[in-house]
C-alpha atoms as a PDB file:
ATOM      1  CA  MET A   1       5.765   5.626  10.951  1.00  0.00           C
ATOM      2  CA  ALA A   2       4.574   2.468   9.159  1.00  0.00           C
ATOM      3  CA  ARG A   3       5.215  -1.263   9.413  1.00  0.00           C
ATOM      4  CA  ILE A   4       6.295  -2.579   6.025  1.00  0.00           C
ATOM      5  CA  LEU A   5       6.552  -6.212   4.954  1.00  0.00           C
ATOM      6  CA  ILE A   6       9.180  -6.754   2.270  1.00  0.00           C
ATOM      7  CA  VAL A   7       8.826  -9.955   0.261  1.00  0.00           C
ATOM      8  CA  GLU A   8      12.013 -10.524  -1.712  1.00  0.00           C
ATOM      9  CA  ASP A   9      13.941 -13.703  -2.499  1.00  0.00           C
ATOM     10  CA  GLU A  10      17.194 -11.882  -3.332  1.00  0.00           C
ATOM     11  CA  PRO A  11      18.954 -10.920  -0.058  1.00  0.00           C
ATOM     12  CA  ALA A  12      20.857  -7.962  -1.551  1.00  0.00           C
ATOM     13  CA  VAL A  13      17.681  -6.451  -3.019  1.00  0.00           C
ATOM     14  CA  ALA A  14      15.834  -6.999   0.261  1.00  0.00           C
ATOM     15  CA  GLU A  15      18.632  -5.237   2.122  1.00  0.00           C
ATOM     16  CA  VAL A  16      18.511  -2.176  -0.147  1.00  0.00           C
ATOM     17  CA  ALA A  17      14.715  -1.917   0.199  1.00  0.00           C
ATOM     18  CA  SER A  18      15.022  -2.339   3.970  1.00  0.00           C
ATOM     19  CA  LEU A  19      17.604   0.436   4.202  1.00  0.00           C
ATOM     20  CA  VAL A  20      15.399   2.823   2.205  1.00  0.00           C
ATOM     21  CA  CYS A  21      12.395   2.073   4.397  1.00  0.00           C
ATOM     22  CA  ARG A  22      14.306   2.327   7.674  1.00  0.00           C
ATOM     23  CA  ARG A  23      15.936   5.583   6.549  1.00  0.00           C
ATOM     24  CA  ASP A  24      12.432   7.025   6.278  1.00  0.00           C
ATOM     25  CA  GLY A  25      11.561   5.829   9.789  1.00  0.00           C
ATOM     26  CA  HIS A  26       9.554   2.736   8.902  1.00  0.00           C
ATOM     27  CA  GLU A  27       9.691  -0.555  10.755  1.00  0.00           C
ATOM     28  CA  VAL A  28      10.556  -3.428   8.415  1.00  0.00           C
ATOM     29  CA  ALA A  29      10.082  -7.190   8.342  1.00  0.00           C
ATOM     30  CA  VAL A  30      11.526  -9.257   5.501  1.00  0.00           C
ATOM     31  CA  THR A  31      10.384 -12.618   4.179  1.00  0.00           C
ATOM     32  CA  ARG A  32      12.028 -14.561   1.372  1.00  0.00           C
ATOM     33  CA  SER A  33       8.861 -16.159  -0.049  1.00  0.00           C
ATOM     34  CA  ALA A  34       5.186 -15.493  -0.611  1.00  0.00           C
ATOM     35  CA  ALA A  35       4.265 -18.382   1.691  1.00  0.00           C
ATOM     36  CA  ALA A  36       6.312 -16.860   4.519  1.00  0.00           C
ATOM     37  CA  ALA A  37       4.723 -13.472   3.799  1.00  0.00           C
ATOM     38  CA  LEU A  38       1.212 -14.909   4.135  1.00  0.00           C
ATOM     39  CA  GLU A  39       2.187 -16.447   7.463  1.00  0.00           C
ATOM     40  CA  ALA A  40       3.626 -13.122   8.672  1.00  0.00           C
ATOM     41  CA  LEU A  41       0.434 -11.321   7.620  1.00  0.00           C
ATOM     42  CA  ARG A  42      -1.630 -13.773   9.651  1.00  0.00           C
ATOM     43  CA  LEU A  43       0.499 -13.156  12.749  1.00  0.00           C
ATOM     44  CA  GLU A  44       1.291  -9.439  12.574  1.00  0.00           C
ATOM     45  CA  ALA A  45      -0.246  -6.194  11.375  1.00  0.00           C
ATOM     46  CA  PHE A  46       1.440  -4.337   8.527  1.00  0.00           C
ATOM     47  CA  ASP A  47       0.629  -1.038   6.842  1.00  0.00           C
ATOM     48  CA  LEU A  48       2.082  -1.912   3.420  1.00  0.00           C
ATOM     49  CA  VAL A  49       3.529  -4.851   1.486  1.00  0.00           C
ATOM     50  CA  LEU A  50       6.439  -4.427  -0.928  1.00  0.00           C
ATOM     51  CA  THR A  51       6.767  -7.586  -3.008  1.00  0.00           C
ATOM     52  CA  ASP A  52       9.009  -8.814  -5.760  1.00  0.00           C
ATOM     53  CA  VAL A  53       6.865 -10.016  -8.648  1.00  0.00           C
ATOM     54  CA  ALA A  54       9.182 -12.740 -10.013  1.00  0.00           C
ATOM     55  CA  MET A  55       9.764 -15.272  -7.224  1.00  0.00           C
ATOM     56  CA  GLU A  56      10.037 -19.050  -7.192  1.00  0.00           C
ATOM     57  CA  GLY A  57       6.857 -20.858  -6.217  1.00  0.00           C
ATOM     58  CA  MET A  58       4.087 -18.356  -5.600  1.00  0.00           C
ATOM     59  CA  ASP A  59       4.946 -15.101  -7.349  1.00  0.00           C
ATOM     60  CA  GLY A  60       4.087 -11.568  -6.276  1.00  0.00           C
ATOM     61  CA  ILE A  61       0.973 -11.438  -8.454  1.00  0.00           C
ATOM     62  CA  GLN A  62      -0.388 -14.595  -6.842  1.00  0.00           C
ATOM     63  CA  LEU A  63       0.577 -13.247  -3.421  1.00  0.00           C
ATOM     64  CA  ALA A  64      -1.373 -10.041  -4.027  1.00  0.00           C
ATOM     65  CA  ALA A  65      -4.447 -12.027  -5.081  1.00  0.00           C
ATOM     66  CA  GLU A  66      -4.153 -14.150  -1.925  1.00  0.00           C
ATOM     67  CA  ILE A  67      -3.841 -11.047   0.275  1.00  0.00           C
ATOM     68  CA  ARG A  68      -6.939  -9.516  -1.331  1.00  0.00           C
ATOM     69  CA  GLY A  69      -8.857 -12.656  -0.351  1.00  0.00           C
ATOM     70  CA  ILE A  70      -7.973 -12.418   3.354  1.00  0.00           C
ATOM     71  CA  VAL A  71     -10.680 -10.779   5.435  1.00  0.00           C
ATOM     72  CA  GLY A  72      -9.336  -7.569   6.920  1.00  0.00           C
ATOM     73  CA  LEU A  73      -6.466  -7.249   4.445  1.00  0.00           C
ATOM     74  CA  GLU A  74      -8.470  -6.375   1.336  1.00  0.00           C
ATOM     75  CA  GLY A  75      -7.333  -2.746   1.505  1.00  0.00           C
ATOM     76  CA  LEU A  76      -3.706  -3.327   2.475  1.00  0.00           C
ATOM     77  CA  PRO A  77      -1.521  -1.288   0.080  1.00  0.00           C
ATOM     78  CA  ILE A  78       0.732  -3.465  -2.102  1.00  0.00           C
ATOM     79  CA  ILE A  79       3.684  -2.347  -4.220  1.00  0.00           C
ATOM     80  CA  GLY A  80       4.992  -4.749  -6.860  1.00  0.00           C
ATOM     81  CA  VAL A  81       8.642  -4.609  -7.875  1.00  0.00           C
ATOM     82  CA  THR A  82       9.519  -6.051 -11.268  1.00  0.00           C
ATOM     83  CA  ALA A  83      12.141  -6.024 -13.974  1.00  0.00           C
ATOM     84  CA  LEU A  84       9.481  -6.745 -16.629  1.00  0.00           C
ATOM     85  CA  ALA A  85       6.981  -3.907 -16.402  1.00  0.00           C
ATOM     86  CA  THR A  86       5.281  -4.682 -19.723  1.00  0.00           C
ATOM     87  CA  PRO A  87       1.709  -3.471 -20.277  1.00  0.00           C
ATOM     88  CA  THR A  88       0.479  -7.077 -20.019  1.00  0.00           C
ATOM     89  CA  GLU A  89       2.291  -7.660 -16.743  1.00  0.00           C
ATOM     90  CA  ARG A  90       1.062  -4.338 -15.361  1.00  0.00           C
ATOM     91  CA  ALA A  91      -2.520  -5.335 -16.225  1.00  0.00           C
ATOM     92  CA  GLU A  92      -2.052  -8.678 -14.446  1.00  0.00           C
ATOM     93  CA  MET A  93      -0.651  -6.907 -11.388  1.00  0.00           C
ATOM     94  CA  GLU A  94      -3.517  -4.441 -11.304  1.00  0.00           C
ATOM     95  CA  ALA A  95      -6.091  -7.227 -11.674  1.00  0.00           C
ATOM     96  CA  ALA A  96      -4.485  -9.093  -8.755  1.00  0.00           C
ATOM     97  CA  GLY A  97      -4.692  -6.031  -6.525  1.00  0.00           C
ATOM     98  CA  ILE A  98      -1.224  -4.518  -6.740  1.00  0.00           C
ATOM     99  CA  ASP A  99      -1.644  -0.791  -6.184  1.00  0.00           C
ATOM    100  CA  ALA A 100       1.664   0.521  -7.531  1.00  0.00           C
ATOM    101  CA  VAL A 101       4.495  -0.855  -9.641  1.00  0.00           C
ATOM    102  CA  ILE A 102       8.173   0.009  -9.417  1.00  0.00           C
ATOM    103  CA  ALA A 103      10.477  -1.159 -12.200  1.00  0.00           C
ATOM    104  CA  LYS A 104      13.898  -2.604 -11.369  1.00  0.00           C
ATOM    105  CA  PRO A 105      16.397  -1.157 -11.075  1.00  0.00           C
ATOM    106  CA  TYR A 106      14.813   1.558  -8.977  1.00  0.00           C
ATOM    107  CA  SER A 107      16.198   4.458  -7.017  1.00  0.00           C
ATOM    108  CA  GLY A 108      15.739   4.844  -3.297  1.00  0.00           C
ATOM    109  CA  ARG A 109      13.890   8.070  -4.000  1.00  0.00           C
ATOM    110  CA  ALA A 110      11.401   6.329  -6.305  1.00  0.00           C
ATOM    111  CA  LEU A 111      10.744   3.619  -3.725  1.00  0.00           C
ATOM    112  CA  ALA A 112      10.338   6.126  -0.901  1.00  0.00           C
ATOM    113  CA  ALA A 113       7.958   8.235  -3.009  1.00  0.00           C
ATOM    114  CA  ALA A 114       5.777   5.243  -3.918  1.00  0.00           C
ATOM    115  CA  ILE A 115       5.595   4.157  -0.281  1.00  0.00           C
ATOM    116  CA  ALA A 116       4.739   7.676   0.898  1.00  0.00           C
ATOM    117  CA  GLU A 117       2.044   8.020  -1.772  1.00  0.00           C
ATOM    118  CA  LEU A 118       0.330   4.756  -0.891  1.00  0.00           C
ATOM    119  CA  LEU A 119       0.539   5.347   2.841  1.00  0.00           C
ATOM    120  CA  SER A 120      -0.970   8.809   2.469  1.00  0.00           C
ATOM    121  CA  THR A 121      -3.819   7.691   0.230  1.00  0.00           C
ATOM    122  CA  GLY A 122      -4.371   4.228   1.641  1.00  0.00           C
ATOM    123  CA  ARG A 123      -4.227   2.965  -2.001  1.00  0.00           C
END
């Protein structure tokens, strides 16, 4: 299936997302920060990034903007996960290049559906 990079600073949340992805046959790598995610993206190929929006240091919105600026990764599908899915935040995420937003708390089904949709459409 797909290689998915999960960027999540909360270990329990990362574990749940990993389980959902692995259950659907995806290969998963997890980083705890945006900086570590950027390093992983430079070293390995991924088919999709699932990032928490609210992280210490560089947040998920900044991460998405950075990814969009990397040659060869401009079209990489990105899902943002947030507890604050306000219209303003959604607009900021869209402007940064986040393709889909999932509000916390989310169900495994909702996450799996968003991943499947982005992987099938490429964005």
